[in-house]
PDB file of N, CA and C in Angstrom:
ATOM      1  N   UNK A   1       1.097  -1.145   0.063  1.00  0.00           N
ATOM      2  CA  UNK A   1      -0.080   0.125   0.034  1.00  0.00           C
ATOM      3  C   UNK A   1       0.836   1.479   0.206  1.00  0.00           C
ATOM      4  N   UNK A   2       0.530   2.337  -0.805  1.00  0.00           N
ATOM      5  CA  UNK A   2       1.618   3.234  -0.835  1.00  0.00           C
ATOM      6  C   UNK A   2       0.735   4.466  -0.778  1.00  0.00           C
ATOM      7  N   UNK A   3       1.389   5.613  -0.410  1.00  0.00           N
ATOM      8  CA  UNK A   3       0.693   7.023  -0.224  1.00  0.00           C
ATOM      9  C   UNK A   3       0.482   7.442  -1.461  1.00  0.00           C
ATOM     10  N   UNK A   4      -0.499   8.184  -1.567  1.00  0.00           N
ATOM     11  CA  UNK A   4      -1.142   9.050  -2.826  1.00  0.00           C
ATOM     12  C   UNK A   4      -0.280  10.529  -2.852  1.00  0.00           C
ATOM     13  N   UNK A   5      -0.040  11.446  -3.677  1.00  0.00           N
ATOM     14  CA  UNK A   5       0.459  12.586  -3.519  1.00  0.00           C
ATOM     15  C   UNK A   5      -0.280  13.491  -2.313  1.00  0.00           C
ATOM     16  N   UNK A   6      -1.625  13.213  -2.706  1.00  0.00           N
ATOM     17  CA  UNK A   6      -2.496  13.785  -1.589  1.00  0.00           C
ATOM     18  C   UNK A   6      -2.196  13.144  -0.340  1.00  0.00           C
ATOM     19  N   UNK A   7      -2.098  11.942  -0.300  1.00  0.00           N
ATOM     20  CA  UNK A   7      -2.082  11.442   1.124  1.00  0.00           C
ATOM     21  C   UNK A   7      -0.550  11.857   2.018  1.00  0.00           C
ATOM     22  N   UNK A   8       0.379  11.899   0.633  1.00  0.00           N
ATOM     23  CA  UNK A   8       1.535  12.344   1.555  1.00  0.00           C
ATOM     24  C   UNK A   8       1.672  13.792   1.935  1.00  0.00           C
ATOM     25  N   UNK A   9       0.659  14.666   1.237  1.00  0.00           N
ATOM     26  CA  UNK A   9       0.506  15.984   1.561  1.00  0.00           C
ATOM     27  C   UNK A   9      -0.168  16.055   3.015  1.00  0.00           C
ATOM     28  N   UNK A  10      -1.163  14.893   3.013  1.00  0.00           N
ATOM     29  CA  UNK A  10      -1.949  15.051   4.503  1.00  0.00           C
ATOM     30  C   UNK A  10      -1.011  14.542   5.429  1.00  0.00           C
ATOM     31  N   UNK A  11      -0.369  13.567   5.176  1.00  0.00           N
ATOM     32  CA  UNK A  11       0.579  12.923   6.145  1.00  0.00           C
ATOM     33  C   UNK A  11       1.563  14.015   6.688  1.00  0.00           C
ATOM     34  N   UNK A  12       1.960  15.153   5.491  1.00  0.00           N
ATOM     35  CA  UNK A  12       3.025  16.077   6.297  1.00  0.00           C
ATOM     36  C   UNK A  12       1.897  17.442   7.460  1.00  0.00           C
ATOM     37  N   UNK A  13       0.846  17.229   6.881  1.00  0.00           N
ATOM     38  CA  UNK A  13      -0.083  18.083   8.029  1.00  0.00           C
ATOM     39  C   UNK A  13      -0.094  17.239   9.362  1.00  0.00           C
ATOM     40  N   UNK A  14      -0.124  16.038   9.209  1.00  0.00           N
ATOM     41  CA  UNK A  14      -0.563  14.984  10.534  1.00  0.00           C
ATOM     42  C   UNK A  14       0.948  15.225  11.360  1.00  0.00           C
ATOM     43  N   UNK A  15       2.089  15.560  10.748  1.00  0.00           N
ATOM     44  CA  UNK A  15       3.420  15.823  11.491  1.00  0.00           C
ATOM     45  C   UNK A  15       3.031  17.068  11.897  1.00  0.00           C
ATOM     46  N   UNK A  16       2.709  18.141  11.864  1.00  0.00           N
ATOM     47  CA  UNK A  16       1.890  19.313  12.323  1.00  0.00           C
ATOM     48  C   UNK A  16       1.010  19.509  13.018  1.00  0.00           C
ATOM     49  N   UNK A  17       0.348  18.572  13.349  1.00  0.00           N
ATOM     50  CA  UNK A  17      -0.843  18.475  14.703  1.00  0.00           C
ATOM     51  C   UNK A  17      -2.113  17.645  13.962  1.00  0.00           C
ATOM     52  N   UNK A  18      -2.458  17.935  12.526  1.00  0.00           N
ATOM     53  CA  UNK A  18      -3.914  17.545  12.319  1.00  0.00           C
ATOM     54  C   UNK A  18      -3.866  15.770  12.134  1.00  0.00           C
ATOM     55  N   UNK A  19      -5.405  15.552  12.846  1.00  0.00           N
ATOM     56  CA  UNK A  19      -5.327  14.226  13.077  1.00  0.00           C
ATOM     57  C   UNK A  19      -5.798  13.579  11.872  1.00  0.00           C
ATOM     58  N   UNK A  20      -5.441  12.108  11.484  1.00  0.00           N
ATOM     59  CA  UNK A  20      -6.022  11.360  10.844  1.00  0.00           C
ATOM     60  C   UNK A  20      -7.655  10.914  10.847  1.00  0.00           C
ATOM     61  N   UNK A  21      -8.270  11.168   9.741  1.00  0.00           N
ATOM     62  CA  UNK A  21      -9.924  10.974   9.777  1.00  0.00           C
ATOM     63  C   UNK A  21      -9.932  10.107   8.830  1.00  0.00           C
ATOM     64  N   UNK A  22     -10.091   8.690   8.972  1.00  0.00           N
ATOM     65  CA  UNK A  22     -10.148   7.903   7.836  1.00  0.00           C
ATOM     66  C   UNK A  22     -11.726   8.097   7.440  1.00  0.00           C
ATOM     67  N   UNK A  23     -12.293   8.247   5.981  1.00  0.00           N
ATOM     68  CA  UNK A  23     -13.764   8.453   5.784  1.00  0.00           C
ATOM     69  C   UNK A  23     -14.289   7.063   5.327  1.00  0.00           C
ATOM     70  N   UNK A  24     -13.020   6.202   4.685  1.00  0.00           N
ATOM     71  CA  UNK A  24     -13.759   5.052   4.133  1.00  0.00           C
ATOM     72  C   UNK A  24     -12.869   4.318   3.171  1.00  0.00           C
ATOM     73  N   UNK A  25     -13.236   2.886   2.998  1.00  0.00           N
ATOM     74  CA  UNK A  25     -12.004   2.136   2.522  1.00  0.00           C
ATOM     75  C   UNK A  25     -13.044   1.467   1.270  1.00  0.00           C
ATOM     76  N   UNK A  26     -12.250   1.595   0.009  1.00  0.00           N
ATOM     77  CA  UNK A  26     -13.178   1.216  -1.113  1.00  0.00           C
ATOM     78  C   UNK A  26     -12.362   0.328  -2.140  1.00  0.00           C
ATOM     79  N   UNK A  27     -13.242  -0.737  -2.258  1.00  0.00           N
ATOM     80  CA  UNK A  27     -12.401  -1.968  -3.205  1.00  0.00           C
ATOM     81  C   UNK A  27     -12.974  -1.803  -4.684  1.00  0.00           C
ATOM     82  N   UNK A  28     -12.080  -2.039  -5.872  1.00  0.00           N
ATOM     83  CA  UNK A  28     -12.014  -1.732  -7.114  1.00  0.00           C
ATOM     84  C   UNK A  28     -11.681  -2.844  -8.037  1.00  0.00           C
ATOM     85  N   UNK A  29     -11.775  -2.781  -9.013  1.00  0.00           N
ATOM     86  CA  UNK A  29     -11.685  -3.518 -10.528  1.00  0.00           C
ATOM     87  C   UNK A  29     -10.417  -2.933 -11.322  1.00  0.00           C
ATOM     88  N   UNK A  30      -9.963  -1.597 -11.218  1.00  0.00           N
ATOM     89  CA  UNK A  30      -9.096  -1.339 -12.017  1.00  0.00           C
ATOM     90  C   UNK A  30      -7.638  -1.240 -11.933  1.00  0.00           C
ATOM     91  N   UNK A  31      -6.810  -0.825 -12.960  1.00  0.00           N
ATOM     92  CA  UNK A  31      -5.652  -0.945 -12.801  1.00  0.00           C
ATOM     93  C   UNK A  31      -4.900   0.889 -13.341  1.00  0.00           C
ATOM     94  N   UNK A  32      -4.079   1.037 -12.379  1.00  0.00           N
ATOM     95  CA  UNK A  32      -2.991   2.266 -12.942  1.00  0.00           C
ATOM     96  C   UNK A  32      -1.963   2.366 -12.929  1.00  0.00           C
ATOM     97  N   UNK A  33      -1.192   2.864 -14.004  1.00  0.00           N
ATOM     98  CA  UNK A  33       0.233   2.699 -14.111  1.00  0.00           C
ATOM     99  C   UNK A  33       0.926   3.624 -13.302  1.00  0.00           C
ATOM    100  N   UNK A  34      -0.055   4.665 -12.598  1.00  0.00           N
ATOM    101  CA  UNK A  34       0.668   5.854 -11.793  1.00  0.00           C
ATOM    102  C   UNK A  34      -0.155   6.054 -10.277  1.00  0.00           C
ATOM    103  N   UNK A  35       0.255   4.909  -9.580  1.00  0.00           N
ATOM    104  CA  UNK A  35      -0.799   4.994  -8.486  1.00  0.00           C
ATOM    105  C   UNK A  35      -0.004   6.233  -7.746  1.00  0.00           C
ATOM    106  N   UNK A  36       0.834   6.804  -7.403  1.00  0.00           N
ATOM    107  CA  UNK A  36       1.026   7.859  -6.401  1.00  0.00           C
ATOM    108  C   UNK A  36      -0.015   9.184  -6.765  1.00  0.00           C
ATOM    109  N   UNK A  37      -0.225   9.548  -8.135  1.00  0.00           N
ATOM    110  CA  UNK A  37      -1.069  10.312  -8.658  1.00  0.00           C
ATOM    111  C   UNK A  37      -2.505  10.261  -8.907  1.00  0.00           C
ATOM    112  N   UNK A  38      -2.876   9.016  -8.514  1.00  0.00           N
ATOM    113  CA  UNK A  38      -4.640   8.691  -8.899  1.00  0.00           C
ATOM    114  C   UNK A  38      -5.103   9.515  -7.725  1.00  0.00           C
ATOM    115  N   UNK A  39      -6.267   9.781  -7.898  1.00  0.00           N
ATOM    116  CA  UNK A  39      -6.976  10.692  -7.230  1.00  0.00           C
ATOM    117  C   UNK A  39      -8.150   9.651  -6.431  1.00  0.00           C
ATOM    118  N   UNK A  40      -8.478   8.669  -7.088  1.00  0.00           N
ATOM    119  CA  UNK A  40      -9.922   7.888  -6.584  1.00  0.00           C
ATOM    120  C   UNK A  40      -9.092   6.252  -7.135  1.00  0.00           C
ATOM    121  N   UNK A  41     -10.110   5.291  -6.538  1.00  0.00           N
ATOM    122  CA  UNK A  41      -9.761   3.802  -6.930  1.00  0.00           C
ATOM    123  C   UNK A  41     -10.764   3.717  -8.176  1.00  0.00           C
ATOM    124  N   UNK A  42      -9.770   3.134  -8.996  1.00  0.00           N
ATOM    125  CA  UNK A  42     -10.360   3.046 -10.221  1.00  0.00           C
ATOM    126  C   UNK A  42     -11.468   2.152 -10.058  1.00  0.00           C
ATOM    127  N   UNK A  43     -12.618   2.171 -11.216  1.00  0.00           N
ATOM    128  CA  UNK A  43     -13.871   1.342 -11.115  1.00  0.00           C
ATOM    129  C   UNK A  43     -14.162   0.868  -9.764  1.00  0.00           C
ATOM    130  N   UNK A  44     -14.626   1.533  -8.688  1.00  0.00           N
ATOM    131  CA  UNK A  44     -14.980   1.233  -7.357  1.00  0.00           C
ATOM    132  C   UNK A  44     -16.441   0.349  -7.586  1.00  0.00           C
ATOM    133  N   UNK A  45     -16.137  -0.706  -6.818  1.00  0.00           N
ATOM    134  CA  UNK A  45     -17.398  -1.625  -6.493  1.00  0.00           C
ATOM    135  C   UNK A  45     -17.946  -1.780  -5.323  1.00  0.00           C
ATOM    136  N   UNK A  46     -17.401  -1.648  -4.178  1.00  0.00           N
ATOM    137  CA  UNK A  46     -18.013  -1.798  -3.098  1.00  0.00           C
ATOM    138  C   UNK A  46     -16.960  -0.971  -2.100  1.00  0.00           C
ATOM    139  N   UNK A  47     -17.935  -0.625  -0.818  1.00  0.00           N
ATOM    140  CA  UNK A  47     -17.262   0.079   0.347  1.00  0.00           C
ATOM    141  C   UNK A  47     -16.834  -0.993   1.349  1.00  0.00           C
ATOM    142  N   UNK A  48     -15.648  -1.306   2.008  1.00  0.00           N
ATOM    143  CA  UNK A  48     -15.377  -2.150   3.196  1.00  0.00           C
ATOM    144  C   UNK A  48     -15.807  -1.385   4.467  1.00  0.00           C
ATOM    145  N   UNK A  49     -16.251  -2.257   5.397  1.00  0.00           N
ATOM    146  CA  UNK A  49     -16.522  -1.646   6.686  1.00  0.00           C
ATOM    147  C   UNK A  49     -15.312  -1.706   7.742  1.00  0.00           C
ATOM    148  N   UNK A  50     -15.226  -0.397   8.126  1.00  0.00           N
ATOM    149  CA  UNK A  50     -14.115  -0.160   9.021  1.00  0.00           C
ATOM    150  C   UNK A  50     -14.169  -0.836  10.215  1.00  0.00           C
ATOM    151  N   UNK A  51     -13.751  -1.808  10.861  1.00  0.00           N
ATOM    152  CA  UNK A  51     -14.046  -2.426  12.276  1.00  0.00           C
ATOM    153  C   UNK A  51     -13.168  -1.873  13.500  1.00  0.00           C
ATOM    154  N   UNK A  52     -11.992  -0.964  12.929  1.00  0.00           N
ATOM    155  CA  UNK A  52     -11.165  -0.612  13.918  1.00  0.00           C
ATOM    156  C   UNK A  52      -9.594  -0.305  13.743  1.00  0.00           C
ATOM    157  N   UNK A  53      -9.246   0.656  14.479  1.00  0.00           N
ATOM    158  CA  UNK A  53      -7.527   1.137  13.953  1.00  0.00           C
ATOM    159  C   UNK A  53      -6.920   0.717  15.642  1.00  0.00           C
ATOM    160  N   UNK A  54      -5.499   0.378  15.265  1.00  0.00           N
ATOM    161  CA  UNK A  54      -4.514   0.513  16.138  1.00  0.00           C
ATOM    162  C   UNK A  54      -3.297   0.640  16.102  1.00  0.00           C
ATOM    163  N   UNK A  55      -2.644   0.983  17.015  1.00  0.00           N
ATOM    164  CA  UNK A  55      -1.251   1.389  16.882  1.00  0.00           C
ATOM    165  C   UNK A  55      -0.408   0.178  17.360  1.00  0.00           C
ATOM    166  N   UNK A  56       0.760  -0.334  16.829  1.00  0.00           N
ATOM    167  CA  UNK A  56       1.762  -1.188  17.022  1.00  0.00           C
ATOM    168  C   UNK A  56       3.274  -0.903  17.196  1.00  0.00           C
ATOM    169  N   UNK A  57       3.650  -0.046  18.350  1.00  0.00           N
ATOM    170  CA  UNK A  57       4.830   0.391  18.038  1.00  0.00           C
ATOM    171  C   UNK A  57       4.830   1.513  16.851  1.00  0.00           C
ATOM    172  N   UNK A  58       5.604   1.273  16.038  1.00  0.00           N
ATOM    173  CA  UNK A  58       5.611   2.570  14.572  1.00  0.00           C
ATOM    174  C   UNK A  58       4.577   2.337  13.974  1.00  0.00           C
ATOM    175  N   UNK A  59       4.037   1.009  13.932  1.00  0.00           N
ATOM    176  CA  UNK A  59       3.093   0.948  12.519  1.00  0.00           C
ATOM    177  C   UNK A  59       1.441   0.931  12.961  1.00  0.00           C
ATOM    178  N   UNK A  60       0.590   1.699  12.354  1.00  0.00           N
ATOM    179  CA  UNK A  60      -0.684   1.777  12.409  1.00  0.00           C
ATOM    180  C   UNK A  60      -1.162   0.923  11.994  1.00  0.00           C
ATOM    181  N   UNK A  61      -2.571   0.074  12.258  1.00  0.00           N
ATOM    182  CA  UNK A  61      -3.348  -0.976  11.560  1.00  0.00           C
ATOM    183  C   UNK A  61      -4.711  -0.241  11.352  1.00  0.00           C
ATOM    184  N   UNK A  62      -5.274  -0.617  10.383  1.00  0.00           N
ATOM    185  CA  UNK A  62      -6.366  -0.276   9.921  1.00  0.00           C
ATOM    186  C   UNK A  62      -7.153  -1.859   9.597  1.00  0.00           C
ATOM    187  N   UNK A  63      -8.475  -2.096  10.463  1.00  0.00           N
ATOM    188  CA  UNK A  63      -9.266  -3.215  10.124  1.00  0.00           C
ATOM    189  C   UNK A  63     -10.312  -3.340   9.386  1.00  0.00           C
ATOM    190  N   UNK A  64     -10.674  -3.919   8.773  1.00  0.00           N
ATOM    191  CA  UNK A  64     -11.808  -3.530   8.086  1.00  0.00           C
ATOM    192  C   UNK A  64     -12.159  -5.153   7.234  1.00  0.00           C
ATOM    193  N   UNK A  65     -13.506  -5.108   7.070  1.00  0.00           N
ATOM    194  CA  UNK A  65     -14.277  -6.519   6.455  1.00  0.00           C
ATOM    195  C   UNK A  65     -14.740  -6.018   4.990  1.00  0.00           C
ATOM    196  N   UNK A  66     -13.992  -7.214   4.077  1.00  0.00           N
ATOM    197  CA  UNK A  66     -14.613  -7.077   2.988  1.00  0.00           C
ATOM    198  C   UNK A  66     -15.947  -8.240   3.007  1.00  0.00           C
ATOM    199  N   UNK A  67     -16.904  -7.932   2.264  1.00  0.00           N
ATOM    200  CA  UNK A  67     -18.025  -8.815   2.656  1.00  0.00           C
ATOM    201  C   UNK A  67     -18.864  -8.930   1.252  1.00  0.00           C
ATOM    202  N   UNK A  68     -19.292  -9.829   0.858  1.00  0.00           N
ATOM    203  CA  UNK A  68     -20.489  -9.569   0.016  1.00  0.00           C
ATOM    204  C   UNK A  68     -21.570  -9.817  -0.249  1.00  0.00           C
ATOM    205  N   UNK A  69     -21.831  -9.226   0.970  1.00  0.00           N
ATOM    206  CA  UNK A  69     -23.312  -9.254   1.498  1.00  0.00           C
ATOM    207  C   UNK A  69     -24.099  -7.900   0.839  1.00  0.00           C
ATOM    208  N   UNK A  70     -25.270  -8.439   0.056  1.00  0.00           N
ATOM    209  CA  UNK A  70     -25.898  -7.409  -0.812  1.00  0.00           C
ATOM    210  C   UNK A  70     -25.107  -6.803  -2.406  1.00  0.00           C
ATOM    211  N   UNK A  71     -24.207  -7.862  -2.455  1.00  0.00           N
ATOM    212  CA  UNK A  71     -23.364  -7.675  -3.536  1.00  0.00           C
ATOM    213  C   UNK A  71     -23.994  -8.305  -4.873  1.00  0.00           C
ATOM    214  N   UNK A  72     -24.729  -7.594  -5.772  1.00  0.00           N
ATOM    215  CA  UNK A  72     -25.471  -8.219  -6.880  1.00  0.00           C
ATOM    216  C   UNK A  72     -24.701  -8.889  -8.052  1.00  0.00           C
ATOM    217  N   UNK A  73     -23.486  -7.935  -8.064  1.00  0.00           N
ATOM    218  CA  UNK A  73     -22.562  -8.514  -9.101  1.00  0.00           C
ATOM    219  C   UNK A  73     -21.244  -8.978  -8.873  1.00  0.00           C
ATOM    220  N   UNK A  74     -20.692  -9.932  -9.089  1.00  0.00           N
ATOM    221  CA  UNK A  74     -19.102 -10.027  -8.627  1.00  0.00           C
ATOM    222  C   UNK A  74     -18.145  -9.284  -9.558  1.00  0.00           C
ATOM    223  N   UNK A  75     -16.859  -9.565  -8.731  1.00  0.00           N
ATOM    224  CA  UNK A  75     -15.989  -8.802  -9.654  1.00  0.00           C
ATOM    225  C   UNK A  75     -14.732  -9.527  -9.342  1.00  0.00           C
ATOM    226  N   UNK A  76     -13.680  -8.826 -10.010  1.00  0.00           N
ATOM    227  CA  UNK A  76     -12.100  -9.055  -9.706  1.00  0.00           C
ATOM    228  C   UNK A  76     -11.483  -8.048  -9.248  1.00  0.00           C
ATOM    229  N   UNK A  77     -11.307  -8.264  -7.665  1.00  0.00           N
ATOM    230  CA  UNK A  77     -10.348  -6.965  -7.205  1.00  0.00           C
ATOM    231  C   UNK A  77      -9.273  -7.198  -7.630  1.00  0.00           C
ATOM    232  N   UNK A  78      -8.853  -5.715  -7.649  1.00  0.00           N
ATOM    233  CA  UNK A  78      -7.391  -5.304  -7.996  1.00  0.00           C
ATOM    234  C   UNK A  78      -6.801  -4.263  -7.193  1.00  0.00           C
ATOM    235  N   UNK A  79      -7.900  -3.465  -6.595  1.00  0.00           N
ATOM    236  CA  UNK A  79      -7.209  -2.422  -6.065  1.00  0.00           C
ATOM    237  C   UNK A  79      -8.063  -2.434  -4.512  1.00  0.00           C
ATOM    238  N   UNK A  80      -7.594  -1.565  -3.400  1.00  0.00           N
ATOM    239  CA  UNK A  80      -7.871  -1.167  -2.426  1.00  0.00           C
ATOM    240  C   UNK A  80      -7.587   0.186  -2.384  1.00  0.00           C
ATOM    241  N   UNK A  81      -8.348   1.133  -1.795  1.00  0.00           N
ATOM    242  CA  UNK A  81      -8.085   2.431  -1.573  1.00  0.00           C
ATOM    243  C   UNK A  81      -8.459   3.040  -0.090  1.00  0.00           C
ATOM    244  N   UNK A  82      -7.881   3.635   0.709  1.00  0.00           N
ATOM    245  CA  UNK A  82      -8.007   4.460   1.807  1.00  0.00           C
ATOM    246  C   UNK A  82      -8.441   5.757   1.971  1.00  0.00           C
ATOM    247  N   UNK A  83      -9.588   6.113   2.134  1.00  0.00           N
ATOM    248  CA  UNK A  83      -9.740   7.666   1.797  1.00  0.00           C
ATOM    249  C   UNK A  83      -9.846   8.196   3.191  1.00  0.00           C
ATOM    250  N   UNK A  84      -9.259   9.700   3.121  1.00  0.00           N
ATOM    251  CA  UNK A  84      -9.299  10.432   4.614  1.00  0.00           C
ATOM    252  C   UNK A  84      -9.772  11.739   4.250  1.00  0.00           C
ATOM    253  N   UNK A  85      -9.668  12.576   5.350  1.00  0.00           N
ATOM    254  CA  UNK A  85     -10.483  13.853   5.399  1.00  0.00           C
ATOM    255  C   UNK A  85      -9.354  14.953   5.519  1.00  0.00           C
ATOM    256  N   UNK A  86      -9.176  15.244   4.470  1.00  0.00           N
ATOM    257  CA  UNK A  86      -8.026  16.619   4.562  1.00  0.00           C
ATOM    258  C   UNK A  86      -8.442  17.780   4.871  1.00  0.00           C
ATOM    259  N   UNK A  87      -8.240  18.432   6.186  1.00  0.00           N
ATOM    260  CA  UNK A  87      -9.000  19.932   6.885  1.00  0.00           C
ATOM    261  C   UNK A  87      -9.010  20.971   5.257  1.00  0.00           C
ATOM    262  N   UNK A  88      -8.140  20.920   4.541  1.00  0.00           N
ATOM    263  CA  UNK A  88      -8.348  22.072   3.388  1.00  0.00           C
ATOM    264  C   UNK A  88      -8.680  21.648   1.822  1.00  0.00           C
ATOM    265  N   UNK A  89      -8.458  20.148   1.789  1.00  0.00           N
ATOM    266  CA  UNK A  89      -8.939  19.847   0.346  1.00  0.00           C
ATOM    267  C   UNK A  89     -10.217  18.722   0.855  1.00  0.00           C
ATOM    268  N   UNK A  90     -10.790  18.595   1.752  1.00  0.00           N
ATOM    269  CA  UNK A  90     -11.561  17.400   1.992  1.00  0.00           C
ATOM    270  C   UNK A  90     -11.496  16.133   1.765  1.00  0.00           C
ATOM    271  N   UNK A  91     -12.373  15.172   1.197  1.00  0.00           N
ATOM    272  CA  UNK A  91     -11.933  14.027   1.276  1.00  0.00           C
ATOM    273  C   UNK A  91     -11.120  13.880   0.275  1.00  0.00           C
ATOM    274  N   UNK A  92      -9.984  13.067   0.617  1.00  0.00           N
ATOM    275  CA  UNK A  92      -8.744  12.746  -0.686  1.00  0.00           C
ATOM    276  C   UNK A  92      -8.681  11.058  -0.466  1.00  0.00           C
ATOM    277  N   UNK A  93      -8.117  10.651  -1.745  1.00  0.00           N
ATOM    278  CA  UNK A  93      -7.630   9.268  -1.737  1.00  0.00           C
ATOM    279  C   UNK A  93      -5.820   9.109  -0.773  1.00  0.00           C
ATOM    280  N   UNK A  94      -6.056   8.641   0.210  1.00  0.00           N
ATOM    281  CA  UNK A  94      -5.159   8.735   1.339  1.00  0.00           C
ATOM    282  C   UNK A  94      -3.737   7.638   0.697  1.00  0.00           C
ATOM    283  N   UNK A  95      -4.272   6.525   0.567  1.00  0.00           N
ATOM    284  CA  UNK A  95      -3.441   5.602   0.091  1.00  0.00           C
ATOM    285  C   UNK A  95      -4.346   4.254  -0.483  1.00  0.00           C
ATOM    286  N   UNK A  96      -3.305   3.654  -1.397  1.00  0.00           N
ATOM    287  CA  UNK A  96      -3.720   2.608  -2.495  1.00  0.00           C
ATOM    288  C   UNK A  96      -2.994   1.317  -2.497  1.00  0.00           C
ATOM    289  N   UNK A  97      -3.520   0.464  -2.732  1.00  0.00           N
ATOM    290  CA  UNK A  97      -2.836  -1.186  -2.973  1.00  0.00           C
ATOM    291  C   UNK A  97      -3.268  -1.414  -4.560  1.00  0.00           C
ATOM    292  N   UNK A  98      -2.415  -2.087  -5.037  1.00  0.00           N
ATOM    293  CA  UNK A  98      -2.726  -2.531  -6.856  1.00  0.00           C
ATOM    294  C   UNK A  98      -2.083  -4.229  -6.504  1.00  0.00           C
ATOM    295  N   UNK A  99      -3.022  -4.986  -6.675  1.00  0.00           N
ATOM    296  CA  UNK A  99      -2.379  -6.130  -6.566  1.00  0.00           C
ATOM    297  C   UNK A  99      -1.926  -6.843  -8.025  1.00  0.00           C
ATOM    298  N   UNK A 100      -0.832  -7.278  -7.746  1.00  0.00           N
ATOM    299  CA  UNK A 100      -0.373  -8.229  -9.154  1.00  0.00           C
ATOM    300  C   UNK A 100      -0.994  -9.187  -9.982  1.00  0.00           C
ATOM    301  N   UNK A 101      -2.048  -9.663  -9.089  1.00  0.00           N
ATOM    302  CA  UNK A 101      -3.125 -10.467  -9.794  1.00  0.00           C
ATOM    303  C   UNK A 101      -4.508 -10.302  -9.048  1.00  0.00           C
ATOM    304  N   UNK A 102      -5.275 -10.230  -9.568  1.00  0.00           N
ATOM    305  CA  UNK A 102      -7.190 -10.194  -9.336  1.00  0.00           C
ATOM    306  C   UNK A 102      -7.237 -11.094  -8.178  1.00  0.00           C
ATOM    307  N   UNK A 103      -8.205 -10.701  -7.616  1.00  0.00           N
ATOM    308  CA  UNK A 103      -8.881 -11.759  -6.425  1.00  0.00           C
ATOM    309  C   UNK A 103     -10.648 -11.881  -6.951  1.00  0.00           C
ATOM    310  N   UNK A 104     -11.155 -12.809  -6.743  1.00  0.00           N
ATOM    311  CA  UNK A 104     -12.194 -13.114  -7.412  1.00  0.00           C
ATOM    312  C   UNK A 104     -13.479 -12.819  -6.356  1.00  0.00           C
ATOM    313  N   UNK A 105     -14.286 -11.728  -6.138  1.00  0.00           N
ATOM    314  CA  UNK A 105     -15.388 -11.533  -5.300  1.00  0.00           C
ATOM    315  C   UNK A 105     -16.619 -11.869  -5.703  1.00  0.00           C
ATOM    316  N   UNK A 106     -17.330 -13.355  -5.487  1.00  0.00           N
ATOM    317  CA  UNK A 106     -18.458 -13.463  -5.761  1.00  0.00           C
ATOM    318  C   UNK A 106     -19.720 -12.844  -5.421  1.00  0.00           C
ATOM    319  N   UNK A 107     -20.483 -12.622  -5.936  1.00  0.00           N
ATOM    320  CA  UNK A 107     -21.907 -11.800  -5.765  1.00  0.00           C
ATOM    321  C   UNK A 107     -22.718 -12.684  -4.305  1.00  0.00           C
ATOM    322  N   UNK A 108     -23.565 -12.253  -3.926  1.00  0.00           N
ATOM    323  CA  UNK A 108     -23.908 -12.734  -2.995  1.00  0.00           C
ATOM    324  C   UNK A 108     -24.773 -14.163  -3.151  1.00  0.00           C
ATOM    325  N   UNK A 109     -25.404 -14.105  -4.226  1.00  0.00           N
ATOM    326  CA  UNK A 109     -26.290 -15.094  -4.708  1.00  0.00           C
ATOM    327  C   UNK A 109     -25.393 -16.297  -4.967  1.00  0.00           C
ATOM    328  N   UNK A 110     -24.223 -15.875  -5.720  1.00  0.00           N
ATOM    329  CA  UNK A 110     -23.520 -16.979  -6.325  1.00  0.00           C
ATOM    330  C   UNK A 110     -22.699 -17.947  -5.125  1.00  0.00           C
ATOM    331  N   UNK A 111     -22.318 -16.908  -3.757  1.00  0.00           N
ATOM    332  CA  UNK A 111     -21.363 -17.500  -2.593  1.00  0.00           C
ATOM    333  C   UNK A 111     -22.031 -16.913  -1.331  1.00  0.00           C
ATOM    334  N   UNK A 112     -22.972 -17.009  -0.861  1.00  0.00           N
ATOM    335  CA  UNK A 112     -23.448 -16.447   0.497  1.00  0.00           C
ATOM    336  C   UNK A 112     -22.572 -16.346   1.688  1.00  0.00           C
ATOM    337  N   UNK A 113     -22.467 -15.239   2.367  1.00  0.00           N
ATOM    338  CA  UNK A 113     -21.942 -15.149   3.357  1.00  0.00           C
ATOM    339  C   UNK A 113     -20.376 -15.053   3.153  1.00  0.00           C
ATOM    340  N   UNK A 114     -19.554 -14.561   2.049  1.00  0.00           N
ATOM    341  CA  UNK A 114     -18.397 -14.593   1.772  1.00  0.00           C
ATOM    342  C   UNK A 114     -17.803 -13.659   2.877  1.00  0.00           C
TER     343      UNK A 114
END
């Protein structure tokens, strides 16, 4: 998972005292060749449920659940993006991950309780 350009700018503001406010985590199917400069997850398909956050030493962890509950159409997961509130710019894509291979996410009707 890497910082986007907007995420790095927010990170600098955090070093001056701004708090990190995660607004949502989104899963999508797209691919990008310039992840540092993307402003949103490509082809977003669903929002994950944030269940908690924790700090362990020098690392921060965000816990989230990806479920297919209510998902009508399956998709191939290739990106996950973390959005945060920037006090100057509003909601920004803070960090993004893009996978080397896709992970199939089934529709609820095809695989209940995924």
